N, C-alpha and C. Protein backbone atom coordinates (compact mmCIF):
# COMPACT_ATOMS: atom_id res chain seq x y z
N UNK A 1 1.13 15.42 -10.50
CA UNK A 1 1.87 16.39 -9.75
C UNK A 1 3.28 16.52 -10.02
N UNK A 2 4.09 15.03 -9.82
CA UNK A 2 5.43 15.14 -9.69
C UNK A 2 5.78 14.96 -10.91
N UNK A 3 4.92 14.24 -11.84
CA UNK A 3 5.25 14.00 -13.27
C UNK A 3 5.52 15.52 -14.03
N UNK A 4 4.24 16.43 -13.77
CA UNK A 4 4.20 17.59 -14.49
C UNK A 4 5.45 18.60 -13.98
N UNK A 5 5.66 18.42 -12.71
CA UNK A 5 7.04 19.17 -11.97
C UNK A 5 8.35 18.82 -12.75
N UNK A 6 8.45 17.22 -12.71
CA UNK A 6 9.78 16.98 -13.51
C UNK A 6 9.80 17.21 -15.14
N UNK A 7 8.96 17.28 -15.46
CA UNK A 7 8.97 17.68 -16.85
C UNK A 7 8.91 19.12 -17.09
N UNK A 8 8.34 19.62 -16.25
CA UNK A 8 8.58 21.26 -16.41
C UNK A 8 9.76 21.78 -15.96
N UNK A 9 10.49 21.17 -14.90
CA UNK A 9 11.82 21.45 -14.93
C UNK A 9 13.16 20.74 -15.61
N UNK A 10 12.52 19.93 -16.52
CA UNK A 10 13.46 19.29 -17.45
C UNK A 10 14.36 18.34 -16.70
N UNK A 11 13.69 17.58 -15.81
CA UNK A 11 14.46 16.54 -15.24
C UNK A 11 14.14 15.25 -16.12
N UNK A 12 14.90 14.32 -16.40
CA UNK A 12 14.59 13.14 -16.97
C UNK A 12 14.34 12.03 -15.83
N UNK A 13 13.50 11.03 -16.35
CA UNK A 13 13.35 9.70 -15.35
C UNK A 13 14.79 9.25 -14.87
N UNK A 14 15.68 9.11 -15.93
CA UNK A 14 16.91 8.65 -15.59
C UNK A 14 17.55 9.25 -14.52
N UNK A 15 17.59 10.75 -14.61
CA UNK A 15 18.32 11.76 -13.50
C UNK A 15 17.46 11.33 -11.92
N UNK A 16 16.48 11.39 -12.01
CA UNK A 16 15.56 11.19 -10.83
C UNK A 16 15.80 9.87 -10.56
N UNK A 17 15.89 8.93 -10.98
CA UNK A 17 16.32 7.50 -10.68
C UNK A 17 17.69 7.73 -9.85
N UNK A 18 18.69 8.53 -10.52
CA UNK A 18 19.87 8.27 -9.74
C UNK A 18 19.73 8.97 -8.40
N UNK A 19 19.06 10.21 -8.21
CA UNK A 19 18.73 10.72 -7.25
C UNK A 19 18.27 9.88 -6.05
N UNK A 20 17.27 8.83 -6.36
CA UNK A 20 16.71 7.97 -5.42
C UNK A 20 17.67 6.48 -5.34
N UNK A 21 18.86 6.52 -6.26
CA UNK A 21 19.61 5.47 -5.98
C UNK A 21 18.71 4.04 -6.44
N UNK A 22 18.04 4.53 -7.77
CA UNK A 22 17.31 3.14 -8.05
C UNK A 22 17.39 3.08 -9.79
N UNK A 23 16.98 2.31 -10.40
CA UNK A 23 16.91 2.13 -11.98
C UNK A 23 15.99 2.84 -12.56
N UNK A 24 15.88 3.42 -13.70
CA UNK A 24 14.71 4.26 -14.19
C UNK A 24 13.44 3.32 -14.53
N UNK A 25 13.45 2.12 -14.62
CA UNK A 25 12.39 1.50 -14.66
C UNK A 25 11.66 1.70 -13.23
N UNK A 26 12.27 1.24 -12.32
CA UNK A 26 11.91 1.53 -11.05
C UNK A 26 11.23 2.81 -10.54
N UNK A 27 11.79 3.77 -10.90
CA UNK A 27 11.62 5.08 -10.77
C UNK A 27 10.22 5.53 -11.45
N UNK A 28 10.07 5.02 -12.89
CA UNK A 28 9.00 5.01 -13.46
C UNK A 28 7.76 4.43 -12.83
N UNK A 29 7.85 3.24 -12.20
CA UNK A 29 6.66 2.84 -11.50
C UNK A 29 6.44 3.36 -10.22
N UNK A 30 7.41 3.89 -9.71
CA UNK A 30 7.13 4.79 -8.28
C UNK A 30 6.44 5.95 -8.87
N UNK A 31 6.94 6.50 -10.03
CA UNK A 31 6.14 7.59 -10.70
C UNK A 31 4.50 7.48 -11.01
N UNK A 32 4.39 6.20 -11.53
CA UNK A 32 3.25 6.13 -11.75
C UNK A 32 2.02 5.40 -10.73
N UNK A 33 2.88 5.21 -9.68
CA UNK A 33 1.90 5.19 -8.27
C UNK A 33 2.04 3.31 -8.18
N UNK A 34 2.70 2.58 -8.87
CA UNK A 34 2.93 1.01 -9.05
C UNK A 34 3.44 0.70 -7.72
N UNK A 35 4.89 1.51 -7.49
CA UNK A 35 5.52 0.80 -6.36
C UNK A 35 5.66 2.24 -5.48
N UNK A 36 5.80 1.83 -4.13
CA UNK A 36 5.54 2.59 -2.90
C UNK A 36 6.91 3.93 -2.89
N UNK A 37 6.41 4.51 -2.78
CA UNK A 37 7.48 5.66 -2.63
C UNK A 37 7.90 6.06 -0.88
N UNK A 38 9.15 5.49 -0.45
CA UNK A 38 9.59 5.67 0.78
C UNK A 38 9.54 7.14 1.64
N UNK A 39 9.40 7.42 2.86
CA UNK A 39 9.46 8.83 3.28
C UNK A 39 10.77 9.25 2.84
N UNK A 40 12.18 8.83 2.96
CA UNK A 40 13.25 9.40 2.45
C UNK A 40 13.27 9.91 1.32
N UNK A 41 12.54 8.83 0.32
CA UNK A 41 12.58 9.29 -1.16
C UNK A 41 11.74 10.47 -1.35
N UNK A 42 10.61 10.62 -0.52
CA UNK A 42 9.80 11.82 -0.78
C UNK A 42 10.85 13.04 -0.55
N UNK A 43 11.51 13.13 0.36
CA UNK A 43 12.11 14.19 0.76
C UNK A 43 13.46 14.33 -0.48
N UNK A 44 14.09 13.33 -0.79
CA UNK A 44 14.96 13.59 -1.81
C UNK A 44 14.20 14.02 -3.17
N UNK A 45 12.86 13.33 -3.62
CA UNK A 45 12.23 14.30 -4.91
C UNK A 45 12.04 15.85 -4.47
N UNK A 46 11.34 15.96 -3.47
CA UNK A 46 10.90 17.37 -3.08
C UNK A 46 12.20 18.23 -3.23
N UNK A 47 13.32 17.71 -2.38
CA UNK A 47 14.56 18.47 -2.91
C UNK A 47 15.04 18.76 -4.46
N UNK A 48 14.90 17.35 -4.91
CA UNK A 48 15.28 17.70 -6.56
C UNK A 48 14.22 18.42 -7.37
N UNK A 49 12.94 18.75 -6.81
CA UNK A 49 11.76 19.43 -7.66
C UNK A 49 11.99 20.91 -7.01
N UNK A 50 12.56 20.93 -6.11
CA UNK A 50 12.49 22.56 -5.37
C UNK A 50 11.30 22.84 -4.93
N UNK A 51 10.60 21.70 -4.17
CA UNK A 51 8.98 22.02 -3.50
C UNK A 51 9.09 21.40 -2.35
N UNK A 52 7.99 21.72 -1.42
CA UNK A 52 7.87 20.94 -0.05
C UNK A 52 7.27 19.46 -0.50
N UNK A 53 7.72 18.49 0.52
CA UNK A 53 7.29 17.31 0.15
C UNK A 53 5.58 17.20 0.01
N UNK A 54 5.00 18.31 0.90
CA UNK A 54 3.61 18.22 1.05
C UNK A 54 2.89 18.56 -0.49
N UNK A 55 3.72 19.49 -1.07
CA UNK A 55 3.30 19.63 -2.41
C UNK A 55 3.42 18.57 -3.42
N UNK A 56 3.96 17.68 -3.17
CA UNK A 56 4.09 16.57 -4.32
C UNK A 56 3.60 15.12 -3.89
N UNK A 57 3.60 15.06 -2.34
CA UNK A 57 3.13 13.85 -1.82
C UNK A 57 1.97 13.76 -2.05
N UNK A 58 1.46 12.49 -2.85
CA UNK A 58 0.03 11.99 -2.84
C UNK A 58 -0.34 10.98 -2.28
N UNK A 59 -0.97 11.18 -1.22
CA UNK A 59 -1.52 10.07 -0.15
C UNK A 59 -2.63 9.14 -0.84
N UNK A 60 -2.49 7.89 -0.87
CA UNK A 60 -3.42 7.02 -1.50
C UNK A 60 -3.91 6.25 -0.32
N UNK A 61 -4.81 5.77 -0.10
CA UNK A 61 -5.26 4.61 1.10
C UNK A 61 -4.84 3.03 0.27
N UNK A 62 -3.96 2.54 0.89
CA UNK A 62 -3.60 1.29 0.30
C UNK A 62 -4.60 0.10 0.98
N UNK A 63 -5.17 -0.41 -0.11
CA UNK A 63 -6.30 -1.27 0.35
C UNK A 63 -5.39 -2.99 0.44
N UNK A 64 -5.83 -3.68 1.20
CA UNK A 64 -5.05 -4.99 1.24
C UNK A 64 -6.38 -5.95 0.86
N UNK A 65 -5.89 -6.85 -0.23
CA UNK A 65 -6.98 -7.80 -0.82
C UNK A 65 -6.34 -9.03 -0.28
N UNK A 66 -7.16 -9.91 0.38
CA UNK A 66 -6.87 -11.14 1.05
C UNK A 66 -7.53 -11.99 0.12
N UNK A 67 -6.49 -12.63 -0.95
CA UNK A 67 -7.14 -13.82 -1.82
C UNK A 67 -6.62 -15.25 -1.59
N UNK A 68 -7.65 -15.88 -1.30
CA UNK A 68 -7.30 -17.41 -0.87
C UNK A 68 -7.55 -18.44 -1.83
N UNK A 69 -7.24 -17.69 -3.33
CA UNK A 69 -7.22 -18.44 -4.36
C UNK A 69 -5.96 -19.54 -4.47
N UNK A 70 -6.13 -20.57 -4.87
CA UNK A 70 -5.10 -21.42 -4.66
C UNK A 70 -3.93 -21.12 -5.36
N UNK A 71 -3.98 -20.38 -6.50
CA UNK A 71 -2.94 -19.68 -7.39
C UNK A 71 -1.93 -18.96 -6.24
N UNK A 72 -2.13 -18.25 -5.12
CA UNK A 72 -1.74 -17.60 -4.27
C UNK A 72 -1.14 -18.24 -2.89
N UNK A 73 -1.50 -19.46 -2.98
CA UNK A 73 -1.20 -20.25 -1.34
C UNK A 73 -0.07 -21.21 -1.78
N UNK A 74 0.89 -21.10 -0.90
CA UNK A 74 1.90 -21.76 -1.02
C UNK A 74 1.85 -23.04 -0.30
N UNK A 75 0.73 -23.51 -0.05
CA UNK A 75 0.42 -24.77 0.45
C UNK A 75 0.83 -25.18 1.75
N UNK A 76 1.47 -23.92 2.51
CA UNK A 76 1.76 -24.20 4.03
C UNK A 76 0.69 -23.61 4.49
N UNK A 77 -0.35 -23.17 4.12
CA UNK A 77 -1.32 -22.46 4.99
C UNK A 77 -1.32 -20.93 5.29
N UNK A 78 -0.13 -20.54 4.33
CA UNK A 78 0.14 -18.93 4.35
C UNK A 78 -0.44 -18.18 3.13
N UNK A 79 -0.95 -17.14 3.36
CA UNK A 79 -1.69 -16.69 2.19
C UNK A 79 -0.77 -15.48 1.87
N UNK A 80 -0.97 -15.03 0.73
CA UNK A 80 -0.16 -13.72 0.14
C UNK A 80 -1.22 -12.46 0.31
N UNK A 81 -0.89 -11.39 0.78
CA UNK A 81 -1.51 -10.25 0.80
C UNK A 81 -1.17 -9.30 -0.39
N UNK A 82 -1.98 -8.97 -1.28
CA UNK A 82 -1.90 -8.01 -2.40
C UNK A 82 -2.09 -6.81 -2.15
N UNK A 83 -1.55 -5.66 -2.47
CA UNK A 83 -1.52 -4.41 -2.13
C UNK A 83 -1.93 -3.82 -3.36
N UNK A 84 -2.95 -2.95 -3.25
CA UNK A 84 -3.45 -2.04 -4.48
C UNK A 84 -3.67 -0.69 -3.88
N UNK A 85 -3.18 0.25 -4.80
CA UNK A 85 -3.66 1.61 -4.64
C UNK A 85 -4.95 2.19 -5.48
N UNK A 86 -5.83 2.16 -4.70
CA UNK A 86 -7.33 2.45 -5.14
C UNK A 86 -7.55 3.56 -4.75
N UNK A 87 -8.00 4.64 -5.80
CA UNK A 87 -8.31 5.91 -5.27
C UNK A 87 -9.83 5.63 -4.69
N UNK A 88 -9.82 6.65 -3.33
CA UNK A 88 -11.32 6.65 -2.90
C UNK A 88 -12.53 6.95 -3.72
N UNK A 89 -12.11 7.92 -4.70
CA UNK A 89 -13.29 8.14 -5.87
C UNK A 89 -13.66 7.13 -6.45
N UNK A 90 -13.08 6.33 -6.79
CA UNK A 90 -13.26 4.89 -7.69
C UNK A 90 -13.95 3.95 -6.61
N UNK A 91 -13.70 3.70 -5.47
CA UNK A 91 -14.25 3.06 -4.61
C UNK A 91 -15.78 3.41 -4.40
N UNK A 92 -15.79 4.89 -3.94
CA UNK A 92 -16.98 5.42 -3.99
C UNK A 92 -18.11 5.37 -5.08
N UNK A 93 -17.52 5.16 -6.24
CA UNK A 93 -18.28 5.37 -7.53
C UNK A 93 -18.84 3.74 -7.40
N UNK A 94 -17.94 3.24 -7.28
CA UNK A 94 -18.21 1.41 -7.34
C UNK A 94 -19.44 1.24 -6.29
N UNK A 95 -19.14 1.83 -5.00
CA UNK A 95 -20.41 1.68 -3.87
C UNK A 95 -21.57 2.24 -4.45
N UNK A 96 -21.50 3.48 -5.12
CA UNK A 96 -22.84 3.93 -5.44
C UNK A 96 -23.54 3.25 -6.52
N UNK A 97 -22.65 2.46 -7.52
CA UNK A 97 -23.07 1.69 -8.49
C UNK A 97 -23.75 0.55 -7.79
N UNK A 98 -22.96 -0.10 -7.00
CA UNK A 98 -23.68 -1.22 -6.04
C UNK A 98 -24.90 -0.90 -5.69
N UNK A 99 -25.04 0.24 -5.01
CA UNK A 99 -26.61 0.56 -4.28
C UNK A 99 -27.59 0.74 -5.56
N UNK A 100 -27.23 1.44 -6.58
CA UNK A 100 -28.09 1.33 -7.89
C UNK A 100 -28.49 0.12 -7.93
N UNK A 101 -27.50 -0.90 -8.32
CA UNK A 101 -28.01 -2.33 -8.78
C UNK A 101 -28.96 -2.98 -7.77
N UNK A 102 -28.72 -2.97 -6.39
CA UNK A 102 -29.60 -3.24 -5.42
C UNK A 102 -30.65 -3.01 -5.54
N UNK A 103 -30.90 -1.56 -5.43
CA UNK A 103 -32.31 -0.96 -5.83
C UNK A 103 -33.06 -1.78 -6.81
N UNK A 104 -32.27 -1.41 -7.87
CA UNK A 104 -33.17 -2.17 -9.29
C UNK A 104 -33.32 -3.58 -8.99
N UNK A 105 -32.48 -4.49 -8.29
CA UNK A 105 -32.90 -5.67 -8.07
C UNK A 105 -34.24 -5.77 -7.16
N UNK A 106 -34.13 -4.90 -6.30
CA UNK A 106 -35.47 -5.05 -5.49
C UNK A 106 -36.43 -4.87 -6.13
N UNK A 107 -36.34 -3.73 -7.05
CA UNK A 107 -37.82 -3.30 -7.89
C UNK A 107 -38.13 -4.44 -8.51
N UNK A 108 -37.16 -4.99 -9.36
CA UNK A 108 -37.61 -6.15 -10.31
C UNK A 108 -38.08 -7.31 -9.51
N UNK A 109 -37.55 -7.76 -8.19
CA UNK A 109 -38.13 -8.62 -7.30
C UNK A 109 -39.55 -8.29 -7.24
N UNK A 110 -39.90 -7.05 -6.85
CA UNK A 110 -41.23 -6.59 -6.47
C UNK A 110 -42.07 -6.81 -7.37
N UNK A 111 -41.68 -6.38 -8.71
CA UNK A 111 -42.44 -6.43 -9.99
C UNK A 111 -42.82 -7.67 -10.07
N UNK A 112 -41.93 -8.76 -10.22
CA UNK A 112 -41.99 -10.39 -10.45
C UNK A 112 -43.21 -10.56 -9.35
N UNK A 113 -43.24 -10.33 -7.87
CA UNK A 113 -43.95 -10.67 -6.93
C UNK A 113 -45.31 -10.29 -7.49
N UNK A 114 -45.74 -8.97 -7.81
CA UNK A 114 -46.91 -8.65 -8.23
C UNK A 114 -47.47 -9.28 -9.37
N UNK A 115 -46.50 -9.92 -10.13
CA UNK A 115 -47.07 -10.53 -11.30
C UNK A 115 -47.43 -11.93 -11.21
N UNK A 116 -47.33 -12.39 -9.98
CA UNK A 116 -47.54 -13.70 -9.82
C UNK A 116 -48.85 -13.70 -8.96
C-alpha cells in the first residue's frame, strides 16, 4: 500500500528517506517490512502521502524466536532473540499443512499396524 501510494504520488525513496531523516537503503528496508517503522515515522509517512496513518499502517504480528544455537550464544548465558515479521496467513497455512501431515502419519501407522 505504501509503495503503491509513494509511486502514485511520484515520491522517490530518497525523498521519503529525507522525510524520515534516514538513508535511502534504510527507508527501502522499512518499505519492504524488514525494519520496524516507529510511531512518529508513521505520522511523517502519512503526512507525506496525504493520507491517514490508518490507511498506510500495516500491522503485522512480530514473532520472537528464541534460538539457543551456539552461533547466537555469546557464551555468557545470554541468548539473542530474533524478530521476524511473519504474516498470520503464512502461519495458518503452515499449521494446516502440519495437521494434514499428522493425519497422514497416523493413517500410515494404522496401515502398518494392520499389515503386521
